[in-house]
Amino acid sequence: NSAGTVEAVGRLSVQTLPSFVITPRDMSVGRGRTAIFQCVVTSNPPPTVFWSKGKEQLLMFPHQDHGRFLVSE
């Protein structure tokens, strides 16, 4: 693009594979009710939790090993 380009090389050392402590569940709720999705993951280096709907990924909890997402509409 007109702003130029940037390249970088890095190294990632995974010491512990990610493991779900609490896995989000599929959920159906009635109109006017609230759905609460929870997720807890352990790994080293620490994971980043994101939620997705369709093809869109929503980064909600940078550098966190857990997350809670409420849907009320």
N, C-alpha and C. Protein backbone atom coordinates (compact mmCIF):
# COMPACT_ATOMS: atom_id res chain seq x y z
N ASN A 1 0.83 -1.18 0.00
CA ASN A 1 0.00 0.00 0.00
C ASN A 1 0.87 1.25 0.00
N SER A 2 0.28 2.41 -0.04
CA SER A 2 1.05 3.66 -0.14
C SER A 2 1.84 3.98 1.12
N ALA A 3 1.48 3.38 2.25
CA ALA A 3 2.20 3.64 3.51
C ALA A 3 3.47 2.81 3.60
N GLY A 4 3.64 1.82 2.73
CA GLY A 4 4.83 0.98 2.76
C GLY A 4 4.53 -0.39 3.34
N THR A 5 5.57 -1.13 3.63
CA THR A 5 5.40 -2.46 4.19
C THR A 5 6.34 -2.64 5.37
N VAL A 6 6.01 -3.60 6.21
CA VAL A 6 6.84 -3.94 7.36
C VAL A 6 6.93 -5.45 7.43
N GLU A 7 8.12 -5.95 7.65
CA GLU A 7 8.32 -7.39 7.82
C GLU A 7 9.07 -7.61 9.11
N ALA A 8 8.81 -8.74 9.75
CA ALA A 8 9.50 -9.08 10.98
C ALA A 8 9.63 -10.59 11.09
N VAL A 9 10.63 -11.01 11.80
CA VAL A 9 10.85 -12.42 12.07
C VAL A 9 10.85 -12.58 13.58
N GLY A 10 10.19 -13.60 14.06
CA GLY A 10 10.14 -13.82 15.50
C GLY A 10 10.21 -15.30 15.82
N ARG A 11 10.32 -15.58 17.08
CA ARG A 11 10.38 -16.96 17.54
C ARG A 11 9.39 -17.12 18.68
N LEU A 12 8.58 -18.15 18.61
CA LEU A 12 7.60 -18.44 19.65
C LEU A 12 7.94 -19.78 20.26
N SER A 13 8.16 -19.79 21.54
CA SER A 13 8.47 -21.04 22.24
C SER A 13 7.25 -21.43 23.07
N VAL A 14 6.56 -22.48 22.65
CA VAL A 14 5.39 -22.96 23.37
C VAL A 14 5.86 -23.99 24.38
N GLN A 15 5.71 -23.64 25.66
CA GLN A 15 6.16 -24.52 26.72
C GLN A 15 5.06 -25.43 27.23
N THR A 16 3.82 -24.96 27.16
CA THR A 16 2.66 -25.76 27.56
C THR A 16 1.57 -25.55 26.53
N LEU A 17 1.06 -26.62 25.94
CA LEU A 17 -0.02 -26.50 24.97
C LEU A 17 -1.28 -25.96 25.64
N PRO A 18 -2.09 -25.20 24.92
CA PRO A 18 -3.34 -24.70 25.49
C PRO A 18 -4.26 -25.84 25.91
N SER A 19 -4.92 -25.65 27.05
CA SER A 19 -5.84 -26.64 27.57
C SER A 19 -7.06 -25.92 28.15
N PHE A 20 -8.26 -26.34 27.73
CA PHE A 20 -9.48 -25.73 28.24
C PHE A 20 -9.75 -26.24 29.65
N VAL A 21 -9.92 -25.33 30.60
CA VAL A 21 -10.37 -25.66 31.94
C VAL A 21 -11.89 -25.59 31.96
N ILE A 22 -12.44 -24.54 31.35
CA ILE A 22 -13.89 -24.42 31.13
C ILE A 22 -14.09 -24.18 29.64
N THR A 23 -14.82 -25.07 28.98
CA THR A 23 -15.07 -24.98 27.55
C THR A 23 -16.43 -24.32 27.31
N PRO A 24 -16.49 -23.32 26.43
CA PRO A 24 -17.79 -22.71 26.12
C PRO A 24 -18.76 -23.76 25.56
N ARG A 25 -20.03 -23.63 25.92
CA ARG A 25 -21.05 -24.57 25.47
C ARG A 25 -21.98 -23.90 24.47
N ASP A 26 -22.53 -24.70 23.56
CA ASP A 26 -23.60 -24.20 22.69
C ASP A 26 -24.79 -23.89 23.58
N MET A 27 -25.54 -22.86 23.24
CA MET A 27 -26.63 -22.45 24.10
C MET A 27 -27.77 -21.87 23.29
N SER A 28 -28.99 -22.16 23.70
CA SER A 28 -30.19 -21.55 23.13
C SER A 28 -30.99 -20.97 24.28
N VAL A 29 -31.42 -19.73 24.13
CA VAL A 29 -32.23 -19.09 25.16
C VAL A 29 -33.42 -18.42 24.50
N GLY A 30 -34.46 -18.24 25.27
CA GLY A 30 -35.66 -17.58 24.75
C GLY A 30 -35.47 -16.08 24.61
N ARG A 31 -36.35 -15.48 23.85
CA ARG A 31 -36.31 -14.03 23.63
C ARG A 31 -36.42 -13.30 24.97
N GLY A 32 -35.59 -12.28 25.15
CA GLY A 32 -35.59 -11.51 26.39
C GLY A 32 -34.74 -12.12 27.49
N ARG A 33 -34.16 -13.29 27.24
CA ARG A 33 -33.30 -13.95 28.23
C ARG A 33 -31.84 -13.64 27.92
N THR A 34 -30.96 -13.93 28.85
CA THR A 34 -29.53 -13.67 28.67
C THR A 34 -28.76 -14.98 28.58
N ALA A 35 -27.88 -15.07 27.60
CA ALA A 35 -26.98 -16.22 27.46
C ALA A 35 -25.60 -15.79 27.96
N ILE A 36 -24.98 -16.62 28.79
CA ILE A 36 -23.65 -16.33 29.31
C ILE A 36 -22.71 -17.44 28.86
N PHE A 37 -21.69 -17.07 28.10
CA PHE A 37 -20.69 -18.02 27.63
C PHE A 37 -19.42 -17.79 28.44
N GLN A 38 -18.82 -18.87 28.94
CA GLN A 38 -17.60 -18.75 29.73
C GLN A 38 -16.50 -19.62 29.13
N CYS A 39 -15.26 -19.19 29.33
CA CYS A 39 -14.11 -19.90 28.80
C CYS A 39 -12.91 -19.66 29.72
N VAL A 40 -12.21 -20.73 30.09
CA VAL A 40 -10.96 -20.61 30.83
C VAL A 40 -9.95 -21.53 30.16
N VAL A 41 -8.78 -20.99 29.84
CA VAL A 41 -7.73 -21.73 29.14
C VAL A 41 -6.41 -21.54 29.87
N THR A 42 -5.61 -22.61 29.94
CA THR A 42 -4.26 -22.49 30.50
C THR A 42 -3.26 -22.85 29.42
N SER A 43 -2.13 -22.16 29.41
CA SER A 43 -1.01 -22.47 28.53
C SER A 43 0.16 -21.56 28.89
N ASN A 44 1.31 -21.89 28.36
CA ASN A 44 2.49 -21.05 28.54
C ASN A 44 3.20 -20.96 27.21
N PRO A 45 3.29 -19.78 26.58
CA PRO A 45 2.89 -18.47 27.10
C PRO A 45 1.38 -18.34 27.22
N PRO A 46 0.92 -17.36 28.02
CA PRO A 46 -0.52 -17.19 28.25
C PRO A 46 -1.28 -16.98 26.94
N PRO A 47 -2.48 -17.55 26.85
CA PRO A 47 -3.28 -17.42 25.62
C PRO A 47 -4.03 -16.09 25.58
N THR A 48 -4.61 -15.80 24.43
CA THR A 48 -5.54 -14.69 24.27
C THR A 48 -6.88 -15.29 23.91
N VAL A 49 -7.92 -14.90 24.63
CA VAL A 49 -9.26 -15.43 24.40
C VAL A 49 -10.01 -14.49 23.46
N PHE A 50 -10.62 -15.04 22.41
CA PHE A 50 -11.47 -14.24 21.54
C PHE A 50 -12.74 -15.02 21.26
N TRP A 51 -13.77 -14.31 20.91
CA TRP A 51 -15.05 -14.92 20.58
C TRP A 51 -15.31 -14.69 19.10
N SER A 52 -16.00 -15.64 18.46
CA SER A 52 -16.30 -15.46 17.04
C SER A 52 -17.76 -15.77 16.77
N LYS A 53 -18.28 -15.09 15.78
CA LYS A 53 -19.63 -15.33 15.29
C LYS A 53 -19.51 -15.34 13.78
N GLY A 54 -19.77 -16.47 13.17
CA GLY A 54 -19.57 -16.59 11.74
C GLY A 54 -18.09 -16.47 11.43
N LYS A 55 -17.75 -15.56 10.52
CA LYS A 55 -16.35 -15.37 10.13
C LYS A 55 -15.68 -14.23 10.89
N GLU A 56 -16.42 -13.56 11.75
CA GLU A 56 -15.89 -12.41 12.47
C GLU A 56 -15.31 -12.83 13.82
N GLN A 57 -14.07 -12.43 14.10
CA GLN A 57 -13.46 -12.71 15.39
C GLN A 57 -13.43 -11.41 16.19
N LEU A 58 -13.91 -11.48 17.41
CA LEU A 58 -13.99 -10.31 18.26
C LEU A 58 -13.01 -10.48 19.41
N LEU A 59 -11.91 -9.75 19.41
CA LEU A 59 -10.91 -9.84 20.46
C LEU A 59 -11.43 -9.07 21.67
N MET A 60 -11.73 -9.80 22.74
CA MET A 60 -12.36 -9.16 23.88
C MET A 60 -11.48 -9.11 25.11
N PHE A 61 -10.58 -10.05 25.25
CA PHE A 61 -9.81 -10.16 26.48
C PHE A 61 -8.33 -10.34 26.17
N PRO A 62 -7.64 -9.32 25.65
CA PRO A 62 -6.23 -9.50 25.31
C PRO A 62 -5.41 -9.93 26.52
N HIS A 63 -4.56 -10.91 26.32
CA HIS A 63 -3.63 -11.40 27.35
C HIS A 63 -4.34 -11.95 28.58
N GLN A 64 -5.53 -12.50 28.40
CA GLN A 64 -6.25 -13.12 29.50
C GLN A 64 -6.42 -14.60 29.21
N ASP A 65 -6.45 -15.42 30.26
CA ASP A 65 -6.64 -16.86 30.08
C ASP A 65 -8.09 -17.27 30.30
N HIS A 66 -8.97 -16.29 30.44
CA HIS A 66 -10.38 -16.59 30.65
C HIS A 66 -11.23 -15.49 30.01
N GLY A 67 -12.49 -15.76 29.88
CA GLY A 67 -13.39 -14.77 29.32
C GLY A 67 -14.83 -15.12 29.64
N ARG A 68 -15.67 -14.11 29.65
CA ARG A 68 -17.10 -14.28 29.88
C ARG A 68 -17.79 -13.32 28.93
N PHE A 69 -18.74 -13.84 28.17
CA PHE A 69 -19.41 -13.06 27.14
C PHE A 69 -20.91 -13.18 27.36
N LEU A 70 -21.59 -12.05 27.56
CA LEU A 70 -23.03 -12.03 27.78
C LEU A 70 -23.74 -11.54 26.54
N VAL A 71 -24.80 -12.23 26.15
CA VAL A 71 -25.63 -11.82 25.02
C VAL A 71 -27.04 -11.66 25.56
N SER A 72 -27.59 -10.45 25.42
CA SER A 72 -28.93 -10.22 25.96
C SER A 72 -29.92 -9.73 24.92
N GLU A 73 -29.49 -9.60 23.66
CA GLU A 73 -30.41 -9.19 22.60
C GLU A 73 -30.22 -10.04 21.38
